[in-house]
Amino acid sequence: MDPDLAIVVVNHNTGDYLARCIASIASSAGELGTEIVVVDNASSDGSAERASPAGVRLIRNPDNRGFARAANQGIAATEAPMILLLNPDAEVVGGSLEALVKVARERPQAGAIGVLVRNPDGSIQPSARRVPRLGEALAHAFLGPVWRRNPWTRSYTMADWDRATEREVEWVSGSAMLLRREALEAVGAFDQGYFMYVEDVDLCTRLRRAGWQVLFSPELEVVHQIGVSTLGQRGRMAFAHSDSIYRYFSKHRARGGAVLLKPFVRAALWLRALWMSALSGRRPS
């Protein structure tokens, strides 16, 4: 029987988290026909081997190819009409995969669907957001780390919404994202020019421009332990994040007169990365 849902997990040195992720998928699948693919980006901790029970296909990369490229590998290795991308440090804790797929079938214009994501302490991760305008983005970038409840960050993260209801949004996080294969075939998969970060914003932007909807649904709930595979690399990741934001700005926002802002945006992002790198050096890794 052809599978209803493909689950693609990109892994890099996540220890026992990956095994727990795979186990949570199996317990939530219900009667769905599923295919599970783990794409391992050159892990050295044995995590991929420990999380490869029968029925899980493991693709081993000889080097760390980043999220976008590895996710595309996993998507290409599957056949189901729906693909769930799930981070290896995430676990399904509520709802069901069946219910999420049912939402997708009932919303044929939904190219991507995000789910309810919580932190380990139960608080909500703002995994469905707006795409901020330049001024709002800069205010969030520099004020967010020291004043989390500033109005620009709250607007960007849609902080006044409790995530209890389904709604159309501008982008959803790739940490737990259901994708329609038909939509990916129409607009293309992840842009592999992003090594980490913002590739999900880019894909959702392309989907919306092509007429597809991006939805949030609380029918599936996951707990996400952010940044397990990048522990001890916060400084380097700050620069990777800034590079990805600049790629997005250059690709989607630098039109007409906005082209003249590219040097300013690049300098601002570089300064923010330096600042975030300095802040990370004061925290325990």
C-alpha atoms as a PDB file:
ATOM      1  CA  MET A   1       0.000   0.000   0.000  1.00  0.00           C
ATOM      2  CA  ASP A   2       1.297   3.447  -0.863  1.00  0.00           C
ATOM      3  CA  PRO A   3       2.219   5.530   2.207  1.00  0.00           C
ATOM      4  CA  ASP A   4      -0.003   8.421   3.277  1.00  0.00           C
ATOM      5  CA  LEU A   5       2.737  10.363   5.021  1.00  0.00           C
ATOM      6  CA  ALA A   6       6.508  10.620   4.850  1.00  0.00           C
ATOM      7  CA  ILE A   7       8.429  11.770   7.910  1.00  0.00           C
ATOM      8  CA  VAL A   8      11.848  13.275   7.253  1.00  0.00           C
ATOM      9  CA  VAL A   9      14.250  13.927  10.138  1.00  0.00           C
ATOM     10  CA  VAL A  10      17.603  15.674   9.595  1.00  0.00           C
ATOM     11  CA  ASN A  11      20.056  14.648  12.304  1.00  0.00           C
ATOM     12  CA  HIS A  12      23.429  15.837  13.516  1.00  0.00           C
ATOM     13  CA  ASN A  13      24.806  14.714  16.895  1.00  0.00           C
ATOM     14  CA  THR A  14      21.550  14.759  18.873  1.00  0.00           C
ATOM     15  CA  GLY A  15      22.321  11.837  21.175  1.00  0.00           C
ATOM     16  CA  ASP A  16      19.244  10.114  22.595  1.00  0.00           C
ATOM     17  CA  TYR A  17      16.883  12.828  21.379  1.00  0.00           C
ATOM     18  CA  LEU A  18      16.647  11.262  17.918  1.00  0.00           C
ATOM     19  CA  ALA A  19      15.558   7.882  19.297  1.00  0.00           C
ATOM     20  CA  ARG A  20      12.835   9.562  21.366  1.00  0.00           C
ATOM     21  CA  CYS A  21      11.715  11.524  18.306  1.00  0.00           C
ATOM     22  CA  ILE A  22      11.359   8.355  16.212  1.00  0.00           C
ATOM     23  CA  ALA A  23       9.496   6.556  19.007  1.00  0.00           C
ATOM     24  CA  SER A  24       7.032   9.445  19.347  1.00  0.00           C
ATOM     25  CA  ILE A  25       6.317   9.338  15.606  1.00  0.00           C
ATOM     26  CA  ALA A  26       5.540   5.628  15.732  1.00  0.00           C
ATOM     27  CA  SER A  27       3.128   6.060  18.638  1.00  0.00           C
ATOM     28  CA  SER A  28       1.265   8.902  16.896  1.00  0.00           C
ATOM     29  CA  ALA A  29       0.886   7.417  13.405  1.00  0.00           C
ATOM     30  CA  GLY A  30      -2.292   5.455  14.109  1.00  0.00           C
ATOM     31  CA  GLU A  31      -3.642   3.808  10.967  1.00  0.00           C
ATOM     32  CA  LEU A  32      -1.640   5.994   8.609  1.00  0.00           C
ATOM     33  CA  GLY A  33       0.725   4.357   6.191  1.00  0.00           C
ATOM     34  CA  THR A  34       4.059   6.037   6.874  1.00  0.00           C
ATOM     35  CA  GLU A  35       7.605   6.041   5.578  1.00  0.00           C
ATOM     36  CA  ILE A  36      10.346   7.415   7.844  1.00  0.00           C
ATOM     37  CA  VAL A  37      13.681   8.708   6.580  1.00  0.00           C
ATOM     38  CA  VAL A  38      16.533   9.933   8.771  1.00  0.00           C
ATOM     39  CA  VAL A  39      19.166  11.957   6.930  1.00  0.00           C
ATOM     40  CA  ASP A  40      22.282  12.016   9.063  1.00  0.00           C
ATOM     41  CA  ASN A  41      24.763  14.842   8.528  1.00  0.00           C
ATOM     42  CA  ALA A  42      27.974  13.066   9.562  1.00  0.00           C
ATOM     43  CA  SER A  43      27.108  12.529  13.224  1.00  0.00           C
ATOM     44  CA  SER A  44      29.945  11.264  15.390  1.00  0.00           C
ATOM     45  CA  ASP A  45      27.920  10.392  18.511  1.00  0.00           C
ATOM     46  CA  GLY A  46      26.201   7.208  17.330  1.00  0.00           C
ATOM     47  CA  SER A  47      22.766   8.845  17.448  1.00  0.00           C
ATOM     48  CA  ALA A  48      21.773   7.713  13.965  1.00  0.00           C
ATOM     49  CA  GLU A  49      22.665   4.082  14.612  1.00  0.00           C
ATOM     50  CA  ARG A  50      20.699   4.010  17.870  1.00  0.00           C
ATOM     51  CA  ALA A  51      17.601   5.380  16.162  1.00  0.00           C
ATOM     52  CA  SER A  52      17.376   3.051  13.171  1.00  0.00           C
ATOM     53  CA  PRO A  53      14.754   0.418  14.015  1.00  0.00           C
ATOM     54  CA  ALA A  54      13.083  -1.660  11.328  1.00  0.00           C
ATOM     55  CA  GLY A  55      11.116   0.509   8.947  1.00  0.00           C
ATOM     56  CA  VAL A  56      13.361   3.574   9.247  1.00  0.00           C
ATOM     57  CA  ARG A  57      15.545   4.366   6.265  1.00  0.00           C
ATOM     58  CA  LEU A  58      18.883   5.936   7.156  1.00  0.00           C
ATOM     59  CA  ILE A  59      20.742   8.131   4.666  1.00  0.00           C
ATOM     60  CA  ARG A  60      24.300   8.879   5.765  1.00  0.00           C
ATOM     61  CA  ASN A  61      26.098  11.963   4.510  1.00  0.00           C
ATOM     62  CA  PRO A  62      29.903  12.018   4.716  1.00  0.00           C
ATOM     63  CA  ASP A  63      29.826  15.662   5.823  1.00  0.00           C
ATOM     64  CA  ASN A  64      27.433  18.146   7.395  1.00  0.00           C
ATOM     65  CA  ARG A  65      25.434  19.437   4.455  1.00  0.00           C
ATOM     66  CA  GLY A  66      23.173  21.704   6.469  1.00  0.00           C
ATOM     67  CA  PHE A  67      19.437  21.486   6.964  1.00  0.00           C
ATOM     68  CA  ALA A  68      18.061  22.583   3.577  1.00  0.00           C
ATOM     69  CA  ARG A  69      20.174  20.244   1.480  1.00  0.00           C
ATOM     70  CA  ALA A  70      19.652  17.265   3.790  1.00  0.00           C
ATOM     71  CA  ALA A  71      15.899  17.898   4.025  1.00  0.00           C
ATOM     72  CA  ASN A  72      15.712  17.926   0.229  1.00  0.00           C
ATOM     73  CA  GLN A  73      17.549  14.590   0.180  1.00  0.00           C
ATOM     74  CA  GLY A  74      14.980  13.083   2.500  1.00  0.00           C
ATOM     75  CA  ILE A  75      12.038  14.513   0.584  1.00  0.00           C
ATOM     76  CA  ALA A  76      13.430  13.169  -2.704  1.00  0.00           C
ATOM     77  CA  ALA A  77      13.845   9.708  -1.141  1.00  0.00           C
ATOM     78  CA  THR A  78      10.137   9.472  -0.266  1.00  0.00           C
ATOM     79  CA  GLU A  79       6.922   9.119  -2.249  1.00  0.00           C
ATOM     80  CA  ALA A  80       4.008  10.032   0.024  1.00  0.00           C
ATOM     81  CA  PRO A  81       1.836  13.027  -0.965  1.00  0.00           C
ATOM     82  CA  MET A  82       2.410  14.638   2.448  1.00  0.00           C
ATOM     83  CA  ILE A  83       5.801  15.133   4.126  1.00  0.00           C
ATOM     84  CA  LEU A  84       6.318  15.979   7.773  1.00  0.00           C
ATOM     85  CA  LEU A  85       9.651  17.577   8.571  1.00  0.00           C
ATOM     86  CA  LEU A  86      10.471  17.070  12.234  1.00  0.00           C
ATOM     87  CA  ASN A  87      13.581  18.119  14.101  1.00  0.00           C
ATOM     88  CA  PRO A  88      15.400  15.276  15.882  1.00  0.00           C
ATOM     89  CA  ASP A  89      15.157  17.151  19.194  1.00  0.00           C
ATOM     90  CA  ALA A  90      11.357  17.298  18.918  1.00  0.00           C
ATOM     91  CA  GLU A  91       8.809  14.780  20.204  1.00  0.00           C
ATOM     92  CA  VAL A  92       5.135  14.372  19.377  1.00  0.00           C
ATOM     93  CA  VAL A  93       3.239  14.729  22.664  1.00  0.00           C
ATOM     94  CA  GLY A  94      -0.356  15.531  21.700  1.00  0.00           C
ATOM     95  CA  GLY A  95      -2.882  15.245  18.925  1.00  0.00           C
ATOM     96  CA  SER A  96      -2.104  12.804  16.147  1.00  0.00           C
ATOM     97  CA  LEU A  97      -0.484  12.577  12.747  1.00  0.00           C
ATOM     98  CA  GLU A  98      -3.798  11.264  11.407  1.00  0.00           C
ATOM     99  CA  ALA A  99      -5.579  14.439  12.512  1.00  0.00           C
ATOM    100  CA  LEU A 100      -2.909  16.641  10.924  1.00  0.00           C
ATOM    101  CA  VAL A 101      -3.086  14.797   7.608  1.00  0.00           C
ATOM    102  CA  LYS A 102      -6.889  15.106   7.753  1.00  0.00           C
ATOM    103  CA  VAL A 103      -6.510  18.895   8.026  1.00  0.00           C
ATOM    104  CA  ALA A 104      -4.240  18.895   4.969  1.00  0.00           C
ATOM    105  CA  ARG A 105      -6.722  16.831   2.968  1.00  0.00           C
ATOM    106  CA  GLU A 106      -9.542  19.196   3.901  1.00  0.00           C
ATOM    107  CA  ARG A 107      -7.426  22.262   2.966  1.00  0.00           C
ATOM    108  CA  PRO A 108      -6.193  21.439  -0.563  1.00  0.00           C
ATOM    109  CA  GLN A 109      -4.707  24.926  -0.998  1.00  0.00           C
ATOM    110  CA  ALA A 110      -2.457  24.532   2.045  1.00  0.00           C
ATOM    111  CA  GLY A 111       1.090  24.046   0.814  1.00  0.00           C
ATOM    112  CA  ALA A 112       2.583  24.066   4.322  1.00  0.00           C
ATOM    113  CA  ILE A 113       1.051  23.512   7.754  1.00  0.00           C
ATOM    114  CA  GLY A 114       2.771  24.287  11.039  1.00  0.00           C
ATOM    115  CA  VAL A 115       1.827  22.703  14.361  1.00  0.00           C
ATOM    116  CA  LEU A 116       1.715  23.645  18.023  1.00  0.00           C
ATOM    117  CA  VAL A 117       5.274  23.661  19.357  1.00  0.00           C
ATOM    118  CA  ARG A 118       6.112  23.920  23.040  1.00  0.00           C
ATOM    119  CA  ASN A 119       9.297  24.378  25.003  1.00  0.00           C
ATOM    120  CA  PRO A 120      10.197  21.651  27.523  1.00  0.00           C
ATOM    121  CA  ASP A 121       8.705  23.809  30.301  1.00  0.00           C
ATOM    122  CA  GLY A 122       5.341  23.824  28.511  1.00  0.00           C
ATOM    123  CA  SER A 123       5.482  27.403  27.235  1.00  0.00           C
ATOM    124  CA  ILE A 124       4.614  28.002  23.585  1.00  0.00           C
ATOM    125  CA  GLN A 125       7.314  28.451  20.967  1.00  0.00           C
ATOM    126  CA  PRO A 126       6.134  31.075  18.457  1.00  0.00           C
ATOM    127  CA  SER A 127       6.655  28.705  15.546  1.00  0.00           C
ATOM    128  CA  ALA A 128       4.098  30.472  13.310  1.00  0.00           C
ATOM    129  CA  ARG A 129       4.926  34.106  12.643  1.00  0.00           C
ATOM    130  CA  ARG A 130       4.695  37.123  10.378  1.00  0.00           C
ATOM    131  CA  VAL A 131       7.452  38.102   7.976  1.00  0.00           C
ATOM    132  CA  PRO A 132       8.585  41.418   9.467  1.00  0.00           C
ATOM    133  CA  ARG A 133       9.217  44.611   7.560  1.00  0.00           C
ATOM    134  CA  LEU A 134      12.784  45.931   7.652  1.00  0.00           C
ATOM    135  CA  GLY A 135      12.351  48.378  10.539  1.00  0.00           C
ATOM    136  CA  GLU A 136      10.434  45.848  12.616  1.00  0.00           C
ATOM    137  CA  ALA A 137      13.042  43.183  11.872  1.00  0.00           C
ATOM    138  CA  LEU A 138      15.917  45.424  13.001  1.00  0.00           C
ATOM    139  CA  ALA A 139      14.096  46.434  16.179  1.00  0.00           C
ATOM    140  CA  HIS A 140      13.427  42.783  16.978  1.00  0.00           C
ATOM    141  CA  ALA A 141      16.992  41.774  16.150  1.00  0.00           C
ATOM    142  CA  PHE A 142      18.620  44.254  18.518  1.00  0.00           C
ATOM    143  CA  LEU A 143      15.993  44.586  21.238  1.00  0.00           C
ATOM    144  CA  GLY A 144      14.683  41.025  21.346  1.00  0.00           C
ATOM    145  CA  PRO A 145      17.683  39.486  23.165  1.00  0.00           C
ATOM    146  CA  VAL A 146      17.504  42.050  26.008  1.00  0.00           C
ATOM    147  CA  TRP A 147      13.820  43.116  26.008  1.00  0.00           C
ATOM    148  CA  ARG A 148      11.761  40.152  24.867  1.00  0.00           C
ATOM    149  CA  ARG A 149       8.396  41.828  25.331  1.00  0.00           C
ATOM    150  CA  ASN A 150       9.172  44.833  23.148  1.00  0.00           C
ATOM    151  CA  PRO A 151       6.308  45.699  20.765  1.00  0.00           C
ATOM    152  CA  TRP A 152       8.239  44.851  17.576  1.00  0.00           C
ATOM    153  CA  THR A 153       9.145  41.357  18.739  1.00  0.00           C
ATOM    154  CA  ARG A 154       5.601  40.797  19.970  1.00  0.00           C
ATOM    155  CA  SER A 155       4.207  41.836  16.602  1.00  0.00           C
ATOM    156  CA  TYR A 156       6.659  39.651  14.668  1.00  0.00           C
ATOM    157  CA  THR A 157       6.012  36.574  16.834  1.00  0.00           C
ATOM    158  CA  MET A 158       2.240  37.163  17.021  1.00  0.00           C
ATOM    159  CA  ALA A 159       2.529  37.052  20.797  1.00  0.00           C
ATOM    160  CA  ASP A 160      -1.106  37.985  21.452  1.00  0.00           C
ATOM    161  CA  TRP A 161      -2.364  34.802  19.761  1.00  0.00           C
ATOM    162  CA  ASP A 162      -2.680  31.721  21.980  1.00  0.00           C
ATOM    163  CA  ARG A 163      -2.208  29.175  19.139  1.00  0.00           C
ATOM    164  CA  ALA A 164      -5.428  27.406  20.162  1.00  0.00           C
ATOM    165  CA  THR A 165      -7.061  27.903  16.766  1.00  0.00           C
ATOM    166  CA  GLU A 166      -6.258  27.207  13.145  1.00  0.00           C
ATOM    167  CA  ARG A 167      -5.367  30.232  11.055  1.00  0.00           C
ATOM    168  CA  GLU A 168      -3.478  31.306   7.959  1.00  0.00           C
ATOM    169  CA  VAL A 169      -0.037  32.760   8.700  1.00  0.00           C
ATOM    170  CA  GLU A 170       2.951  34.027   6.733  1.00  0.00           C
ATOM    171  CA  TRP A 171       5.464  31.351   7.722  1.00  0.00           C
ATOM    172  CA  VAL A 172       5.841  28.301   9.940  1.00  0.00           C
ATOM    173  CA  SER A 173       8.946  26.752  11.430  1.00  0.00           C
ATOM    174  CA  GLY A 174      10.698  23.871   9.702  1.00  0.00           C
ATOM    175  CA  SER A 175      11.180  22.266  13.106  1.00  0.00           C
ATOM    176  CA  ALA A 176       7.720  20.699  12.667  1.00  0.00           C
ATOM    177  CA  MET A 177       6.229  21.416   9.265  1.00  0.00           C
ATOM    178  CA  LEU A 178       3.842  19.424   7.078  1.00  0.00           C
ATOM    179  CA  LEU A 179       4.434  19.959   3.349  1.00  0.00           C
ATOM    180  CA  ARG A 180       2.282  19.011   0.373  1.00  0.00           C
ATOM    181  CA  ARG A 181       4.405  17.351  -2.305  1.00  0.00           C
ATOM    182  CA  GLU A 182       2.290  18.873  -5.070  1.00  0.00           C
ATOM    183  CA  ALA A 183       3.129  22.350  -3.751  1.00  0.00           C
ATOM    184  CA  LEU A 184       6.847  21.569  -3.557  1.00  0.00           C
ATOM    185  CA  GLU A 185       6.786  20.328  -7.131  1.00  0.00           C
ATOM    186  CA  ALA A 186       5.174  23.628  -8.133  1.00  0.00           C
ATOM    187  CA  VAL A 187       7.572  26.029  -6.377  1.00  0.00           C
ATOM    188  CA  GLY A 188      10.687  23.921  -5.756  1.00  0.00           C
ATOM    189  CA  ALA A 189      12.056  22.469  -2.539  1.00  0.00           C
ATOM    190  CA  PHE A 190      14.235  24.244   0.017  1.00  0.00           C
ATOM    191  CA  ASP A 191      16.808  26.723  -1.298  1.00  0.00           C
ATOM    192  CA  GLN A 192      20.096  24.945  -0.629  1.00  0.00           C
ATOM    193  CA  GLY A 193      21.908  28.259  -0.467  1.00  0.00           C
ATOM    194  CA  TYR A 194      20.760  28.399   3.160  1.00  0.00           C
ATOM    195  CA  PHE A 195      22.960  26.216   5.364  1.00  0.00           C
ATOM    196  CA  MET A 196      20.846  26.707   8.487  1.00  0.00           C
ATOM    197  CA  TYR A 197      17.997  29.045   9.425  1.00  0.00           C
ATOM    198  CA  VAL A 198      15.463  31.024   7.357  1.00  0.00           C
ATOM    199  CA  GLU A 199      15.065  28.332   4.687  1.00  0.00           C
ATOM    200  CA  ASP A 200      11.571  27.782   6.095  1.00  0.00           C
ATOM    201  CA  VAL A 201      10.693  31.478   5.760  1.00  0.00           C
ATOM    202  CA  ASP A 202      11.987  31.415   2.189  1.00  0.00           C
ATOM    203  CA  LEU A 203       9.915  28.367   1.255  1.00  0.00           C
ATOM    204  CA  CYS A 204       6.743  29.757   2.829  1.00  0.00           C
ATOM    205  CA  THR A 205       7.275  33.049   0.994  1.00  0.00           C
ATOM    206  CA  ARG A 206       7.560  31.237  -2.328  1.00  0.00           C
ATOM    207  CA  LEU A 207       4.494  29.126  -1.584  1.00  0.00           C
ATOM    208  CA  ARG A 208       2.354  32.169  -0.761  1.00  0.00           C
ATOM    209  CA  ARG A 209       3.521  34.042  -3.845  1.00  0.00           C
ATOM    210  CA  ALA A 210       2.499  31.059  -5.967  1.00  0.00           C
ATOM    211  CA  GLY A 211      -1.002  31.088  -4.474  1.00  0.00           C
ATOM    212  CA  TRP A 212      -0.626  28.383  -1.832  1.00  0.00           C
ATOM    213  CA  GLN A 213      -1.717  28.915   1.755  1.00  0.00           C
ATOM    214  CA  VAL A 214       0.512  28.564   4.808  1.00  0.00           C
ATOM    215  CA  LEU A 215      -1.532  27.385   7.787  1.00  0.00           C
ATOM    216  CA  PHE A 216      -1.104  26.785  11.481  1.00  0.00           C
ATOM    217  CA  SER A 217      -3.046  23.929  13.073  1.00  0.00           C
ATOM    218  CA  PRO A 218      -3.073  22.820  16.720  1.00  0.00           C
ATOM    219  CA  GLU A 219      -4.080  19.268  15.704  1.00  0.00           C
ATOM    220  CA  LEU A 220      -0.534  18.065  16.428  1.00  0.00           C
ATOM    221  CA  GLU A 221       1.545  19.137  19.420  1.00  0.00           C
ATOM    222  CA  VAL A 222       5.280  18.669  19.817  1.00  0.00           C
ATOM    223  CA  VAL A 223       7.856  19.558  22.436  1.00  0.00           C
ATOM    224  CA  HIS A 224      11.032  21.000  20.940  1.00  0.00           C
ATOM    225  CA  GLN A 225      14.362  21.239  22.730  1.00  0.00           C
ATOM    226  CA  ILE A 226      15.970  23.997  20.670  1.00  0.00           C
ATOM    227  CA  GLY A 227      19.557  23.784  19.478  1.00  0.00           C
ATOM    228  CA  VAL A 228      20.711  20.342  20.649  1.00  0.00           C
ATOM    229  CA  SER A 229      22.911  19.787  17.596  1.00  0.00           C
ATOM    230  CA  THR A 230      24.540  23.225  17.900  1.00  0.00           C
ATOM    231  CA  LEU A 231      25.387  23.214  21.599  1.00  0.00           C
ATOM    232  CA  GLY A 232      28.659  25.022  22.194  1.00  0.00           C
ATOM    233  CA  GLN A 233      28.432  26.788  18.824  1.00  0.00           C
ATOM    234  CA  ARG A 234      26.207  29.749  19.639  1.00  0.00           C
ATOM    235  CA  GLY A 235      28.706  32.279  18.352  1.00  0.00           C
ATOM    236  CA  ARG A 236      29.182  30.534  15.019  1.00  0.00           C
ATOM    237  CA  MET A 237      25.440  30.012  14.685  1.00  0.00           C
ATOM    238  CA  ALA A 238      24.853  33.747  15.219  1.00  0.00           C
ATOM    239  CA  PHE A 239      26.860  34.446  12.059  1.00  0.00           C
ATOM    240  CA  ALA A 240      25.123  31.612  10.167  1.00  0.00           C
ATOM    241  CA  HIS A 241      21.764  33.092  11.136  1.00  0.00           C
ATOM    242  CA  SER A 242      22.797  36.564   9.980  1.00  0.00           C
ATOM    243  CA  ASP A 243      24.046  35.161   6.660  1.00  0.00           C
ATOM    244  CA  SER A 244      20.688  33.481   6.114  1.00  0.00           C
ATOM    245  CA  ILE A 245      18.719  36.625   6.920  1.00  0.00           C
ATOM    246  CA  TYR A 246      20.848  38.585   4.452  1.00  0.00           C
ATOM    247  CA  ARG A 247      20.247  35.941   1.771  1.00  0.00           C
ATOM    248  CA  TYR A 248      16.499  36.235   2.334  1.00  0.00           C
ATOM    249  CA  PHE A 249      16.606  40.048   2.192  1.00  0.00           C
ATOM    250  CA  SER A 250      18.672  40.020  -0.998  1.00  0.00           C
ATOM    251  CA  LYS A 251      16.412  37.461  -2.630  1.00  0.00           C
ATOM    252  CA  HIS A 252      12.969  38.719  -1.624  1.00  0.00           C
ATOM    253  CA  ARG A 253      13.181  42.314  -0.418  1.00  0.00           C
ATOM    254  CA  ALA A 254      16.020  44.058  -2.278  1.00  0.00           C
ATOM    255  CA  ARG A 255      13.893  45.399  -5.110  1.00  0.00           C
ATOM    256  CA  GLY A 256      13.930  48.885  -6.636  1.00  0.00           C
ATOM    257  CA  GLY A 257      15.278  51.443  -4.213  1.00  0.00           C
ATOM    258  CA  ALA A 258      15.669  48.804  -1.505  1.00  0.00           C
ATOM    259  CA  VAL A 259      18.761  47.548  -3.341  1.00  0.00           C
ATOM    260  CA  LEU A 260      20.564  50.591  -1.947  1.00  0.00           C
ATOM    261  CA  LEU A 261      19.919  49.263   1.578  1.00  0.00           C
ATOM    262  CA  LYS A 262      21.894  46.064   1.085  1.00  0.00           C
ATOM    263  CA  PRO A 263      25.204  47.399   2.525  1.00  0.00           C
ATOM    264  CA  PHE A 264      23.348  48.846   5.532  1.00  0.00           C
ATOM    265  CA  VAL A 265      21.473  45.598   6.153  1.00  0.00           C
ATOM    266  CA  ARG A 266      24.677  43.572   5.796  1.00  0.00           C
ATOM    267  CA  ALA A 267      26.512  45.793   8.287  1.00  0.00           C
ATOM    268  CA  ALA A 268      23.626  45.709  10.778  1.00  0.00           C
ATOM    269  CA  LEU A 269      23.432  41.915  10.613  1.00  0.00           C
ATOM    270  CA  TRP A 270      27.192  41.594  11.042  1.00  0.00           C
ATOM    271  CA  LEU A 271      27.088  43.844  14.116  1.00  0.00           C
ATOM    272  CA  ARG A 272      24.221  41.842  15.564  1.00  0.00           C
ATOM    273  CA  ALA A 273      26.124  38.586  14.998  1.00  0.00           C
ATOM    274  CA  LEU A 274      29.157  40.037  16.786  1.00  0.00           C
ATOM    275  CA  TRP A 275      26.943  41.125  19.670  1.00  0.00           C
ATOM    276  CA  MET A 276      25.161  37.766  19.927  1.00  0.00           C
ATOM    277  CA  SER A 277      28.495  35.974  19.753  1.00  0.00           C
ATOM    278  CA  ALA A 278      29.802  38.092  22.619  1.00  0.00           C
ATOM    279  CA  LEU A 279      26.653  37.422  24.655  1.00  0.00           C
ATOM    280  CA  SER A 280      26.970  33.675  24.077  1.00  0.00           C
ATOM    281  CA  GLY A 281      30.505  33.746  25.416  1.00  0.00           C
ATOM    282  CA  ARG A 282      29.168  34.855  28.792  1.00  0.00           C
ATOM    283  CA  ARG A 283      26.778  31.901  29.058  1.00  0.00           C
ATOM    284  CA  PRO A 284      27.600  28.315  29.867  1.00  0.00           C
ATOM    285  CA  SER A 285      27.573  26.144  26.742  1.00  0.00           C
END
